[in-house]
N, C-alpha and C. Protein backbone atom coordinates (compact mmCIF):
# COMPACT_ATOMS: atom_id res chain seq x y z
N UNK A 1 81.43 109.34 108.75
CA UNK A 1 82.32 110.09 107.47
C UNK A 1 82.31 109.12 106.45
N UNK A 2 82.14 107.72 106.89
CA UNK A 2 81.49 106.06 105.84
C UNK A 2 79.92 106.94 104.79
N UNK A 3 79.58 107.54 104.75
CA UNK A 3 78.20 107.89 104.12
C UNK A 3 78.58 109.12 102.95
N UNK A 4 79.72 109.71 103.19
CA UNK A 4 80.09 110.12 102.11
C UNK A 4 80.49 109.80 100.89
N UNK A 5 80.88 108.00 100.66
CA UNK A 5 80.82 107.17 99.66
C UNK A 5 79.24 107.71 98.83
N UNK A 6 78.56 108.29 98.95
CA UNK A 6 78.05 107.98 98.66
C UNK A 6 78.25 109.03 97.16
N UNK A 7 78.59 109.66 97.42
CA UNK A 7 79.55 110.84 96.46
C UNK A 7 79.66 110.36 95.30
N UNK A 8 80.38 109.04 95.46
CA UNK A 8 81.24 108.30 94.57
C UNK A 8 80.41 107.99 93.47
N UNK A 9 79.34 107.47 93.33
CA UNK A 9 78.39 107.20 92.15
C UNK A 9 77.86 108.83 91.92
N UNK A 10 77.65 109.47 92.79
CA UNK A 10 77.04 111.27 92.65
C UNK A 10 78.19 111.61 91.22
N UNK A 11 79.23 111.50 91.71
CA UNK A 11 80.71 111.89 91.12
C UNK A 11 80.71 110.98 89.32
N UNK A 12 80.54 110.26 89.72
CA UNK A 12 80.38 109.41 88.21
C UNK A 12 79.35 109.41 87.61
N UNK A 13 78.29 109.48 87.95
CA UNK A 13 77.16 110.31 86.94
C UNK A 13 77.01 112.02 86.84
N UNK A 14 77.68 112.52 87.38
CA UNK A 14 77.81 114.16 86.60
C UNK A 14 78.91 113.23 85.87
N UNK A 15 80.31 112.86 86.06
CA UNK A 15 81.40 112.99 85.28
C UNK A 15 80.98 112.90 83.57
N UNK A 16 79.36 111.26 83.70
CA UNK A 16 78.80 111.06 82.55
C UNK A 16 78.17 111.94 81.88
N UNK A 17 77.58 112.15 83.04
CA UNK A 17 75.83 113.08 81.93
C UNK A 17 76.08 114.64 82.15
N UNK A 18 77.11 115.12 83.45
CA UNK A 18 76.97 116.53 83.10
C UNK A 18 78.26 116.67 82.85
N UNK A 19 79.19 116.94 81.63
CA UNK A 19 80.74 117.13 82.31
C UNK A 19 81.33 118.19 82.49
N UNK A 20 80.15 119.28 82.06
CA UNK A 20 80.05 120.83 81.90
C UNK A 20 79.96 121.10 83.56
N UNK A 21 79.43 120.98 83.96
CA UNK A 21 79.37 120.85 85.77
C UNK A 21 80.91 120.79 86.20
N UNK A 22 81.53 121.69 86.35
CA UNK A 22 82.67 121.42 86.71
C UNK A 22 82.59 121.98 88.06
N UNK A 23 81.53 123.03 88.99
CA UNK A 23 82.10 123.04 90.27
C UNK A 23 80.95 121.97 90.52
N UNK A 24 80.26 121.63 90.26
CA UNK A 24 79.46 120.60 90.77
C UNK A 24 80.10 119.40 91.15
N UNK A 25 81.38 118.99 90.22
CA UNK A 25 82.29 117.48 89.53
C UNK A 25 82.86 117.65 90.57
N UNK A 26 83.50 118.84 90.57
CA UNK A 26 84.42 119.22 92.03
C UNK A 26 84.17 118.83 93.34
N UNK A 27 83.49 119.60 93.54
CA UNK A 27 82.62 119.40 94.98
C UNK A 27 82.09 117.89 95.48
N UNK A 28 81.65 117.31 94.50
CA UNK A 28 81.46 116.07 94.62
C UNK A 28 82.58 114.94 94.62
N UNK A 29 83.52 115.15 93.52
CA UNK A 29 84.98 114.23 93.74
C UNK A 29 86.06 114.86 95.48
N UNK A 30 85.61 116.06 95.80
CA UNK A 30 85.94 116.52 96.90
C UNK A 30 85.63 115.34 98.09
N UNK A 31 83.69 115.39 98.26
CA UNK A 31 83.80 115.01 99.22
C UNK A 31 83.71 113.07 99.00
N UNK A 32 84.08 112.53 97.85
CA UNK A 32 83.94 111.25 98.00
C UNK A 32 84.87 110.71 98.47
N UNK A 33 86.23 111.69 98.12
CA UNK A 33 88.12 111.23 98.77
C UNK A 33 87.51 110.92 100.21
N UNK A 34 87.09 111.41 100.68
CA UNK A 34 87.26 111.56 102.39
C UNK A 34 87.13 110.70 102.75
N UNK A 35 86.28 109.62 102.19
CA UNK A 35 86.09 108.19 103.13
C UNK A 35 87.79 107.50 102.61
N UNK A 36 88.14 107.47 101.59
CA UNK A 36 89.23 107.29 101.51
C UNK A 36 90.89 107.40 101.97
N UNK A 37 90.17 108.28 102.44
CA UNK A 37 91.63 109.05 102.47
C UNK A 37 91.64 108.96 104.14
N UNK A 38 90.53 108.62 104.88
CA UNK A 38 90.27 108.47 105.88
C UNK A 38 91.21 106.69 106.61
N UNK A 39 90.85 106.24 105.55
CA UNK A 39 90.94 104.54 105.28
C UNK A 39 92.02 104.32 105.09
N UNK A 40 92.97 105.02 104.65
CA UNK A 40 94.52 105.45 104.27
C UNK A 40 94.77 106.06 105.28
N UNK A 41 94.79 106.78 106.08
CA UNK A 41 95.38 107.22 107.06
C UNK A 41 95.60 106.11 108.50
N UNK A 42 94.15 105.57 108.38
CA UNK A 42 93.73 104.48 109.92
C UNK A 42 94.67 103.74 109.23
N UNK A 43 94.67 103.18 108.00
CA UNK A 43 95.88 101.38 107.93
C UNK A 43 97.49 102.33 108.32
N UNK A 44 97.54 103.46 107.98
CA UNK A 44 98.53 104.04 107.90
C UNK A 44 99.36 104.01 109.22
N UNK A 45 98.05 104.33 110.39
CA UNK A 45 98.58 104.66 111.93
C UNK A 45 98.41 102.84 112.47
N UNK A 46 97.82 101.31 112.03
CA UNK A 46 98.14 100.89 112.17
C UNK A 46 99.35 99.78 112.51
N UNK A 47 99.66 100.59 110.74
CA UNK A 47 100.96 100.07 110.55
C UNK A 47 101.93 100.36 111.14
N UNK A 48 101.74 101.73 111.82
CA UNK A 48 102.64 102.54 112.31
C UNK A 48 102.97 101.75 113.97
N UNK A 49 101.24 101.41 115.04
CA UNK A 49 101.75 101.16 115.31
C UNK A 49 102.58 99.54 116.03
N UNK A 50 102.26 98.86 114.28
CA UNK A 50 102.50 97.67 115.04
C UNK A 50 104.21 97.59 114.31
N UNK A 51 105.02 98.64 113.12
CA UNK A 51 106.29 98.40 112.52
C UNK A 51 107.13 99.62 113.64
N UNK A 52 106.48 100.34 114.07
CA UNK A 52 106.91 101.42 114.66
C UNK A 52 106.76 102.79 113.86
N UNK A 53 107.29 104.09 114.69
CA UNK A 53 106.77 105.30 115.08
C UNK A 53 107.89 106.15 113.27
N UNK A 54 109.26 105.32 113.00
CA UNK A 54 110.14 105.14 111.73
C UNK A 54 108.94 105.07 110.38
N UNK A 55 108.67 103.86 110.31
CA UNK A 55 108.45 102.69 109.47
C UNK A 55 106.99 103.96 109.06
N UNK A 56 106.46 103.93 110.66
CA UNK A 56 105.15 104.68 110.01
C UNK A 56 104.74 106.04 109.66
N UNK A 57 106.36 106.50 110.12
CA UNK A 57 106.41 107.94 109.68
C UNK A 57 106.72 108.26 108.14
N UNK A 58 107.32 106.82 107.55
CA UNK A 58 107.53 106.74 106.25
C UNK A 58 106.54 106.23 105.27
N UNK A 59 105.75 105.37 106.12
CA UNK A 59 104.13 104.65 105.43
C UNK A 59 103.56 106.21 105.16
N UNK A 60 103.58 106.99 106.57
CA UNK A 60 102.57 108.05 105.95
C UNK A 60 102.94 109.10 105.03
N UNK A 61 104.37 109.44 105.03
CA UNK A 61 104.68 110.23 104.12
C UNK A 61 104.88 109.68 101.96
N UNK A 62 104.57 108.07 102.35
CA UNK A 62 104.86 108.27 101.12
C UNK A 62 102.84 107.39 100.43
N UNK A 63 102.41 107.07 101.37
CA UNK A 63 100.89 107.03 101.09
C UNK A 63 100.14 108.54 101.23
N UNK A 64 100.30 109.34 101.88
CA UNK A 64 99.65 110.90 102.18
C UNK A 64 99.80 111.19 101.06
N UNK A 65 100.94 111.34 100.11
CA UNK A 65 100.65 112.21 98.71
C UNK A 65 100.33 110.99 98.02
N UNK A 66 99.10 110.31 97.70
CA UNK A 66 99.05 109.66 96.87
C UNK A 66 97.75 110.44 96.10
N UNK A 67 97.07 110.89 96.81
CA UNK A 67 96.09 112.29 96.03
C UNK A 67 97.04 113.03 94.96
N UNK A 68 98.01 113.48 95.68
CA UNK A 68 99.12 114.52 94.19
C UNK A 68 99.54 113.93 94.14
N UNK A 69 99.97 112.59 93.62
CA UNK A 69 100.57 111.63 92.51
C UNK A 69 99.42 111.53 91.66
N UNK A 70 98.00 111.46 91.99
CA UNK A 70 96.85 110.75 90.72
C UNK A 70 97.03 111.98 89.77
N UNK A 71 96.48 113.21 91.04
CA UNK A 71 96.09 114.03 90.57
C UNK A 71 97.28 114.65 89.18
N UNK A 72 98.78 115.20 89.52
CA UNK A 72 99.73 114.93 89.10
C UNK A 72 99.58 114.38 87.36
N UNK A 73 99.63 112.83 87.54
CA UNK A 73 99.54 112.31 86.42
C UNK A 73 98.36 112.57 85.65
N UNK A 74 97.41 112.65 86.60
CA UNK A 74 96.30 113.15 85.50
C UNK A 74 96.42 114.54 85.03
N UNK A 75 97.06 115.23 85.36
CA UNK A 75 97.53 116.29 84.80
C UNK A 75 98.06 116.45 83.57
N UNK A 76 99.52 115.99 83.61
CA UNK A 76 100.01 115.93 82.49
C UNK A 76 99.89 114.78 81.74
N UNK A 77 99.12 114.45 81.51
CA UNK A 77 98.18 113.61 80.71
C UNK A 77 97.40 114.30 80.04
N UNK A 78 96.81 115.04 80.44
CA UNK A 78 96.13 116.34 79.84
C UNK A 78 96.84 117.60 79.52
N UNK A 79 98.17 117.79 79.93
CA UNK A 79 98.97 119.03 79.44
C UNK A 79 98.85 119.34 80.52
N UNK A 80 98.31 120.07 81.36
CA UNK A 80 98.23 120.36 82.13
C UNK A 80 99.24 121.13 83.41
N UNK A 81 100.55 121.40 82.75
CA UNK A 81 101.42 121.30 83.61
C UNK A 81 101.68 122.48 84.38
N UNK A 82 100.60 123.30 84.62
CA UNK A 82 100.73 124.56 85.29
C UNK A 82 99.65 123.87 86.78
N UNK A 83 98.89 123.03 86.59
CA UNK A 83 98.31 122.63 87.42
C UNK A 83 99.26 121.06 88.58
N UNK A 84 100.06 120.70 87.39
CA UNK A 84 101.20 119.71 88.45
C UNK A 84 102.42 120.84 89.23
N UNK A 85 102.69 121.78 88.96
CA UNK A 85 103.32 122.31 89.44
C UNK A 85 103.03 123.53 90.83
N UNK A 86 101.68 123.52 90.44
CA UNK A 86 100.73 123.81 91.99
C UNK A 86 100.73 122.98 92.82
N UNK A 87 100.29 122.03 92.16
CA UNK A 87 99.56 120.88 93.41
C UNK A 87 100.89 120.31 93.89
N UNK A 88 102.38 120.79 93.12
CA UNK A 88 103.54 119.71 93.85
C UNK A 88 103.94 121.41 94.74
N UNK A 89 103.57 122.48 94.71
CA UNK A 89 103.84 122.83 95.82
C UNK A 89 103.01 123.35 97.31
N UNK A 90 101.96 123.21 96.39
CA UNK A 90 100.02 122.59 97.04
C UNK A 90 100.89 121.48 98.51
N UNK A 91 101.29 120.35 97.75
CA UNK A 91 101.37 119.87 99.10
C UNK A 91 103.08 119.51 99.87
N UNK A 92 104.55 120.53 99.22
CA UNK A 92 104.78 120.96 100.09
C UNK A 92 104.51 121.74 101.36
N UNK A 93 104.31 123.34 101.12
CA UNK A 93 103.87 123.74 101.82
C UNK A 93 102.67 122.96 102.89
N UNK A 94 102.14 122.23 102.48
CA UNK A 94 101.67 121.57 103.46
C UNK A 94 101.29 120.73 104.54
N UNK A 95 102.42 119.70 103.93
CA UNK A 95 103.43 118.76 104.26
C UNK A 95 104.37 119.59 105.47
N UNK A 96 105.48 120.35 105.07
CA UNK A 96 106.21 121.01 105.69
C UNK A 96 105.47 121.61 106.63
N UNK A 97 104.61 122.83 106.78
CA UNK A 97 103.95 123.64 107.47
C UNK A 97 102.65 123.50 107.87
N UNK A 98 101.85 123.01 107.41
CA UNK A 98 100.97 122.65 108.37
C UNK A 98 100.77 121.44 109.01
N UNK A 99 101.00 120.45 108.65
CA UNK A 99 101.10 119.24 109.18
C UNK A 99 102.00 119.04 110.43
N UNK A 100 103.02 119.76 109.89
CA UNK A 100 104.43 119.45 111.35
C UNK A 100 103.57 120.75 112.07
N UNK A 101 103.25 122.23 112.08
CA UNK A 101 102.89 122.59 112.42
C UNK A 101 101.86 122.46 113.03
N UNK A 102 100.82 121.88 113.18
CA UNK A 102 99.67 121.11 113.54
C UNK A 102 99.99 119.98 114.80
N UNK A 103 100.92 119.41 114.13
CA UNK A 103 101.50 118.01 114.77
C UNK A 103 102.38 118.88 115.97
N UNK A 104 102.59 119.72 115.92
CA UNK A 104 103.20 120.22 117.45
C UNK A 104 102.78 120.91 118.27
N UNK A 105 101.73 121.71 117.59
CA UNK A 105 100.67 122.35 118.16
C UNK A 105 99.55 121.41 119.36
N UNK A 106 99.76 120.42 118.56
CA UNK A 106 98.68 119.19 119.07
C UNK A 106 99.65 118.64 120.48
N UNK A 107 100.55 118.27 120.06
CA UNK A 107 101.42 117.45 120.82
C UNK A 107 101.31 118.50 122.16
N UNK A 108 101.98 119.70 121.71
CA UNK A 108 102.22 120.55 122.65
C UNK A 108 101.99 120.83 123.93
N UNK A 109 100.58 120.82 123.55
CA UNK A 109 99.05 121.27 124.13
C UNK A 109 99.07 119.69 125.31
N UNK A 110 99.24 118.36 125.04
CA UNK A 110 99.32 117.40 125.54
C UNK A 110 99.46 116.99 126.74
N UNK A 111 100.93 117.40 125.96
CA UNK A 111 102.27 116.61 125.67
C UNK A 111 103.24 117.81 126.79
N UNK A 112 103.82 117.49 127.99
CA UNK A 112 105.12 118.44 128.66
C UNK A 112 105.73 118.39 127.63
N UNK A 113 106.29 117.02 127.57
CA UNK A 113 107.49 116.79 126.42
C UNK A 113 106.89 115.41 125.34
N UNK A 114 107.16 115.97 123.86
CA UNK A 114 107.51 115.21 122.61
C UNK A 114 108.57 114.07 121.84
N UNK A 115 108.51 113.07 122.45
CA UNK A 115 109.55 112.25 121.30
C UNK A 115 109.48 111.58 120.05
N UNK A 116 110.61 112.04 119.35
CA UNK A 116 110.64 111.01 117.91
C UNK A 116 111.33 110.76 118.12
N UNK A 117 111.63 109.26 116.61
CA UNK A 117 113.10 108.89 115.96
C UNK A 117 113.70 109.55 115.67
N UNK A 118 115.41 109.72 116.33
CA UNK A 118 115.76 110.86 115.70
C UNK A 118 116.49 110.08 114.22
N UNK A 119 116.92 109.19 114.02
CA UNK A 119 117.45 108.45 113.15
C UNK A 119 116.41 108.55 111.63
N UNK A 120 115.49 108.43 112.12
CA UNK A 120 114.44 108.50 111.15
C UNK A 120 113.94 110.03 110.73
N UNK A 121 114.22 110.98 112.02
CA UNK A 121 113.76 112.58 111.48
C UNK A 121 114.96 112.86 110.21
N UNK A 122 116.25 112.09 110.76
CA UNK A 122 117.51 112.75 110.09
C UNK A 122 117.57 112.63 109.09
N UNK A 123 117.26 110.56 108.63
CA UNK A 123 116.59 110.61 107.30
C UNK A 123 115.98 110.80 106.26
N UNK A 124 115.35 111.49 106.95
CA UNK A 124 113.87 111.96 106.04
C UNK A 124 114.47 113.73 105.80
N UNK A 125 114.90 114.33 106.88
CA UNK A 125 115.27 115.05 106.39
C UNK A 125 116.57 115.71 105.67
N UNK A 126 116.94 114.46 105.50
CA UNK A 126 118.05 114.63 104.20
C UNK A 126 117.39 114.65 102.88
N UNK A 127 116.67 113.76 103.03
CA UNK A 127 116.05 113.35 101.86
C UNK A 127 114.96 114.58 101.08
N UNK A 128 114.76 115.32 102.43
CA UNK A 128 114.15 116.87 101.88
C UNK A 128 115.14 117.97 100.96
N UNK A 129 116.37 117.80 102.10
CA UNK A 129 117.50 118.90 101.21
C UNK A 129 117.76 118.66 100.59
N UNK A 130 117.92 117.19 99.71
CA UNK A 130 118.05 116.38 98.40
C UNK A 130 117.06 117.25 97.58
N UNK A 131 115.79 116.91 97.80
CA UNK A 131 115.04 117.10 97.02
C UNK A 131 114.94 118.70 96.52
N UNK A 132 115.00 119.30 97.64
CA UNK A 132 115.14 121.56 97.80
C UNK A 132 116.22 121.32 96.71
N UNK A 133 117.34 120.87 96.79
CA UNK A 133 118.45 120.80 96.53
C UNK A 133 118.18 120.30 94.62
N UNK A 134 117.47 119.33 94.18
CA UNK A 134 116.90 118.91 92.59
C UNK A 134 115.75 120.02 92.46
N UNK A 135 114.90 120.60 93.26
CA UNK A 135 114.32 121.44 91.85
C UNK A 135 114.98 122.25 92.38
N UNK A 136 116.22 123.02 92.83
CA UNK A 136 116.20 124.15 92.20
C UNK A 136 117.64 124.55 91.63
N UNK A 137 118.14 123.38 91.36
CA UNK A 137 118.91 123.11 90.56
C UNK A 137 118.92 123.40 88.70
N UNK A 138 117.82 122.92 88.66
CA UNK A 138 117.40 123.38 87.33
C UNK A 138 117.38 124.96 87.15
N UNK A 139 116.59 125.79 87.87
CA UNK A 139 116.51 127.38 87.40
C UNK A 139 118.05 127.46 87.47
N UNK A 140 118.45 127.24 88.80
CA UNK A 140 120.38 127.67 88.56
C UNK A 140 121.01 127.34 86.96
N UNK A 141 120.53 126.82 86.83
CA UNK A 141 121.21 125.76 85.29
C UNK A 141 120.88 126.64 84.09
N UNK A 142 119.07 127.31 84.36
CA UNK A 142 118.92 128.11 83.28
C UNK A 142 119.45 129.54 83.21
N UNK A 143 119.61 129.80 84.40
CA UNK A 143 120.25 131.09 84.75
C UNK A 143 122.12 131.47 83.83
N UNK A 144 122.53 129.84 84.64
CA UNK A 144 124.14 130.15 84.03
C UNK A 144 124.12 130.11 82.95
N UNK A 145 123.03 129.12 81.82
CA UNK A 145 123.67 129.43 80.85
C UNK A 145 122.78 130.04 79.76
N UNK A 146 121.77 131.20 80.49
CA UNK A 146 120.51 131.84 79.73
C UNK A 146 120.42 131.57 78.45
N UNK A 147 119.51 130.44 78.98
CA UNK A 147 118.29 130.15 78.15
C UNK A 147 119.05 128.81 77.37
N UNK A 148 120.33 128.46 77.13
CA UNK A 148 120.68 128.30 75.45
C UNK A 148 121.09 126.36 76.25
N UNK A 149 120.87 126.20 77.39
CA UNK A 149 121.05 124.61 77.45
C UNK A 149 120.17 124.01 77.54
N UNK A 150 120.13 122.47 77.39
CA UNK A 150 119.38 121.52 77.75
C UNK A 150 118.35 121.07 78.93
N UNK A 151 117.50 121.59 79.19
CA UNK A 151 116.91 121.94 80.34
C UNK A 151 116.23 121.11 80.31
N UNK A 152 115.42 120.19 79.67
CA UNK A 152 114.38 119.51 79.37
C UNK A 152 115.13 118.10 79.57
N UNK A 153 116.29 117.90 79.52
CA UNK A 153 117.20 117.08 79.52
C UNK A 153 117.88 116.68 80.93
N UNK A 154 118.18 117.47 81.34
CA UNK A 154 118.91 117.85 82.68
C UNK A 154 117.50 117.12 83.76
N UNK A 155 116.20 118.02 83.55
CA UNK A 155 115.12 117.79 84.19
C UNK A 155 114.74 116.18 84.55
N UNK A 156 114.68 115.43 83.35
CA UNK A 156 114.52 114.45 83.20
C UNK A 156 115.56 113.34 83.91
N UNK A 157 116.75 114.29 84.54
CA UNK A 157 118.06 113.12 84.54
C UNK A 157 118.04 113.20 86.44
N UNK A 158 117.46 114.94 86.69
CA UNK A 158 117.12 114.88 88.33
C UNK A 158 116.13 114.21 88.59
N UNK A 159 114.96 114.14 87.98
CA UNK A 159 113.76 113.15 88.38
C UNK A 159 113.91 111.64 88.36
N UNK A 160 115.14 110.84 87.86
CA UNK A 160 115.13 110.05 87.59
C UNK A 160 116.17 109.76 88.62
N UNK A 161 117.02 110.60 89.36
CA UNK A 161 118.32 110.86 90.12
C UNK A 161 117.21 110.76 92.09
N UNK A 162 116.08 111.21 91.73
CA UNK A 162 115.28 111.57 92.94
C UNK A 162 114.85 110.68 93.32
N UNK A 163 113.90 109.77 92.14
CA UNK A 163 112.91 108.48 92.25
C UNK A 163 113.83 107.13 92.56
N UNK A 164 115.17 107.36 92.18
CA UNK A 164 116.28 105.98 92.61
C UNK A 164 116.68 106.38 94.03
N UNK A 165 116.63 107.79 94.71
CA UNK A 165 117.57 108.07 95.84
C UNK A 165 116.07 107.34 96.48
N UNK A 166 114.72 108.12 96.62
CA UNK A 166 113.50 107.58 97.37
C UNK A 166 113.57 105.83 97.78
N UNK A 167 114.03 105.20 96.64
CA UNK A 167 113.62 103.49 96.55
C UNK A 167 115.03 102.87 97.42
N UNK A 168 115.73 104.20 97.30
CA UNK A 168 117.06 103.67 97.82
C UNK A 168 117.14 103.38 99.69
N UNK A 169 116.41 104.90 100.01
CA UNK A 169 115.96 105.12 101.05
C UNK A 169 114.93 104.21 101.35
N UNK A 170 113.70 103.84 100.98
CA UNK A 170 112.59 102.78 101.03
C UNK A 170 113.90 101.81 101.81
N UNK A 171 114.56 101.11 100.64
CA UNK A 171 115.13 100.03 101.08
C UNK A 171 116.73 100.02 102.02
N UNK A 172 116.78 101.00 102.66
CA UNK A 172 117.42 101.75 104.12
C UNK A 172 116.33 101.52 105.21
N UNK A 173 114.97 101.92 104.95
CA UNK A 173 114.55 101.98 106.53
C UNK A 173 113.71 100.83 106.66
N UNK A 174 113.45 100.14 105.27
CA UNK A 174 112.49 99.02 105.44
C UNK A 174 113.35 97.40 105.41
N UNK A 175 114.04 97.60 104.34
CA UNK A 175 114.82 96.07 104.33
C UNK A 175 116.10 96.00 104.96
N UNK A 176 117.09 97.12 104.50
CA UNK A 176 119.12 96.55 105.41
C UNK A 176 118.96 97.69 107.01
N UNK A 177 118.26 98.24 107.38
CA UNK A 177 118.50 98.84 109.08
C UNK A 177 117.05 99.04 109.43
N UNK A 178 116.24 98.31 109.29
CA UNK A 178 114.86 98.56 109.82
C UNK A 178 114.76 98.27 111.35
N UNK A 179 115.87 97.74 111.95
CA UNK A 179 115.89 98.26 113.30
C UNK A 179 116.22 99.66 114.01
N UNK A 180 116.53 100.16 112.83
CA UNK A 180 116.79 101.72 113.36
C UNK A 180 115.75 102.48 113.38
N UNK A 181 114.45 101.90 112.46
CA UNK A 181 112.83 102.85 112.27
C UNK A 181 112.19 102.94 113.62
N UNK A 182 112.57 101.55 114.07
CA UNK A 182 111.80 101.05 114.83
C UNK A 182 110.96 101.54 116.10
N UNK A 183 112.50 102.01 116.86
CA UNK A 183 112.00 103.78 117.52
C UNK A 183 111.79 103.06 119.52
N UNK A 184 111.24 103.89 119.98
CA UNK A 184 111.05 103.45 121.33
C UNK A 184 109.60 103.96 121.37
N UNK A 185 108.80 103.15 122.56
CA UNK A 185 107.70 103.20 122.93
C UNK A 185 107.55 103.34 124.25
N UNK A 186 106.41 104.38 125.00
CA UNK A 186 106.15 104.51 126.44
C UNK A 186 104.70 104.63 126.30
N UNK A 187 104.28 104.46 127.88
CA UNK A 187 102.76 104.30 128.29
C UNK A 187 102.81 105.55 127.74
N UNK A 188 100.97 105.91 127.66
CA UNK A 188 100.11 106.99 128.11
C UNK A 188 100.58 108.13 129.56
N UNK A 189 100.44 107.32 129.84
CA UNK A 189 100.84 107.82 131.57
C UNK A 189 102.12 107.94 131.88
N UNK A 190 103.31 107.76 130.91
CA UNK A 190 104.54 108.24 131.78
C UNK A 190 105.06 109.30 130.49
N UNK A 191 104.34 109.11 129.48
CA UNK A 191 104.63 110.73 128.42
C UNK A 191 103.75 111.56 128.87
N UNK A 192 102.63 111.64 129.82
CA UNK A 192 101.94 112.51 130.33
C UNK A 192 102.72 113.23 131.37
N UNK A 193 103.26 112.45 132.35
CA UNK A 193 103.71 113.19 133.24
C UNK A 193 105.07 114.61 133.20
N UNK A 194 104.65 115.43 134.29
CA UNK A 194 105.76 116.66 133.91
C UNK A 194 106.62 116.46 133.77
N UNK A 195 107.99 117.43 133.13
CA UNK A 195 108.86 116.92 133.06
C UNK A 195 109.19 118.38 133.48
N UNK A 196 111.09 117.79 134.54
CA UNK A 196 111.59 118.91 134.62
C UNK A 196 112.47 119.87 133.99
N UNK A 197 112.52 119.60 133.29
CA UNK A 197 113.13 120.04 131.61
C UNK A 197 112.29 122.00 131.23
N UNK A 198 113.87 122.74 130.88
CA UNK A 198 112.74 124.22 130.77
C UNK A 198 111.63 123.89 129.20
N UNK A 199 111.65 125.03 129.26
CA UNK A 199 110.22 125.16 127.89
C UNK A 199 111.11 125.04 126.73
N UNK A 200 111.39 124.35 125.75
CA UNK A 200 111.68 124.14 124.12
C UNK A 200 112.86 123.74 124.37
N UNK A 201 113.43 123.37 124.80
CA UNK A 201 114.69 122.52 125.43
C UNK A 201 115.29 121.36 124.45
N UNK A 202 116.36 121.23 123.54
CA UNK A 202 116.23 119.87 122.83
C UNK A 202 117.05 118.89 123.41
N UNK A 203 117.08 117.81 123.36
CA UNK A 203 118.04 116.52 124.55
C UNK A 203 118.38 115.91 123.73
N UNK A 204 119.83 115.11 123.83
CA UNK A 204 120.15 114.24 122.87
C UNK A 204 119.57 113.31 122.84
N UNK A 205 118.77 112.60 123.82
CA UNK A 205 118.06 111.38 123.34
C UNK A 205 116.89 110.78 123.04
N UNK A 206 116.61 112.11 121.99
CA UNK A 206 115.34 112.29 121.37
C UNK A 206 113.90 112.89 121.93
N UNK A 207 113.86 113.79 122.95
CA UNK A 207 113.13 114.40 123.44
C UNK A 207 113.63 115.99 122.59
N UNK A 208 112.47 116.08 122.63
CA UNK A 208 111.75 118.07 122.73
C UNK A 208 111.07 118.26 123.61
N UNK A 209 110.65 119.46 124.09
CA UNK A 209 110.42 119.64 124.90
C UNK A 209 109.34 120.74 125.64
N UNK A 210 108.31 121.29 125.89
CA UNK A 210 107.22 122.34 125.03
C UNK A 210 106.54 122.27 125.68
N UNK A 211 105.88 124.01 125.66
CA UNK A 211 105.64 124.42 126.91
C UNK A 211 104.16 123.31 127.44
N UNK A 212 104.64 124.12 128.51
CA UNK A 212 103.42 122.79 129.53
C UNK A 212 102.15 123.42 129.93
């Protein structure tokens, strides 16, 4: 995949000499970003193997959205607010449905049981619920106020709260309660052993069984 780096100078050349070729610029940029995304994913996997799956998942969620963050900042500077909304919606749908579903499917095909860090899952589920409430709250406020309230100020306040909550979650996972996110590792030969548990059963000791 490293050969795709050739599209990096091609993208710069198209941007300088043919900025009106929007489709060509989009295709070249999409191909040029693939090796960088691969390297970022590999680096996150190495960190997860060293620090544990809990911290690895947190880092993956953070750096995995770097592309959406860059697109959002560039679109905000250009005043393209609809693109920012579409990028956020696409990121949420892709991560919650596509990535989670593909991970469950791939893991269920190979292993009889899949293990996860329950503390990390609860923490990130709580953050997801908080984000969902924060996204719904401005719409509810606008409907209740009949469009007369200061929606912009409320949105800015909610964004600050979300940012502080995310920073607090980082401190919780990486500093104050780091041991809870380390998790446990088992050899592949133990993970691949068939289980006596029935299909699709949840266990308190952080097990999730899938059809074998």
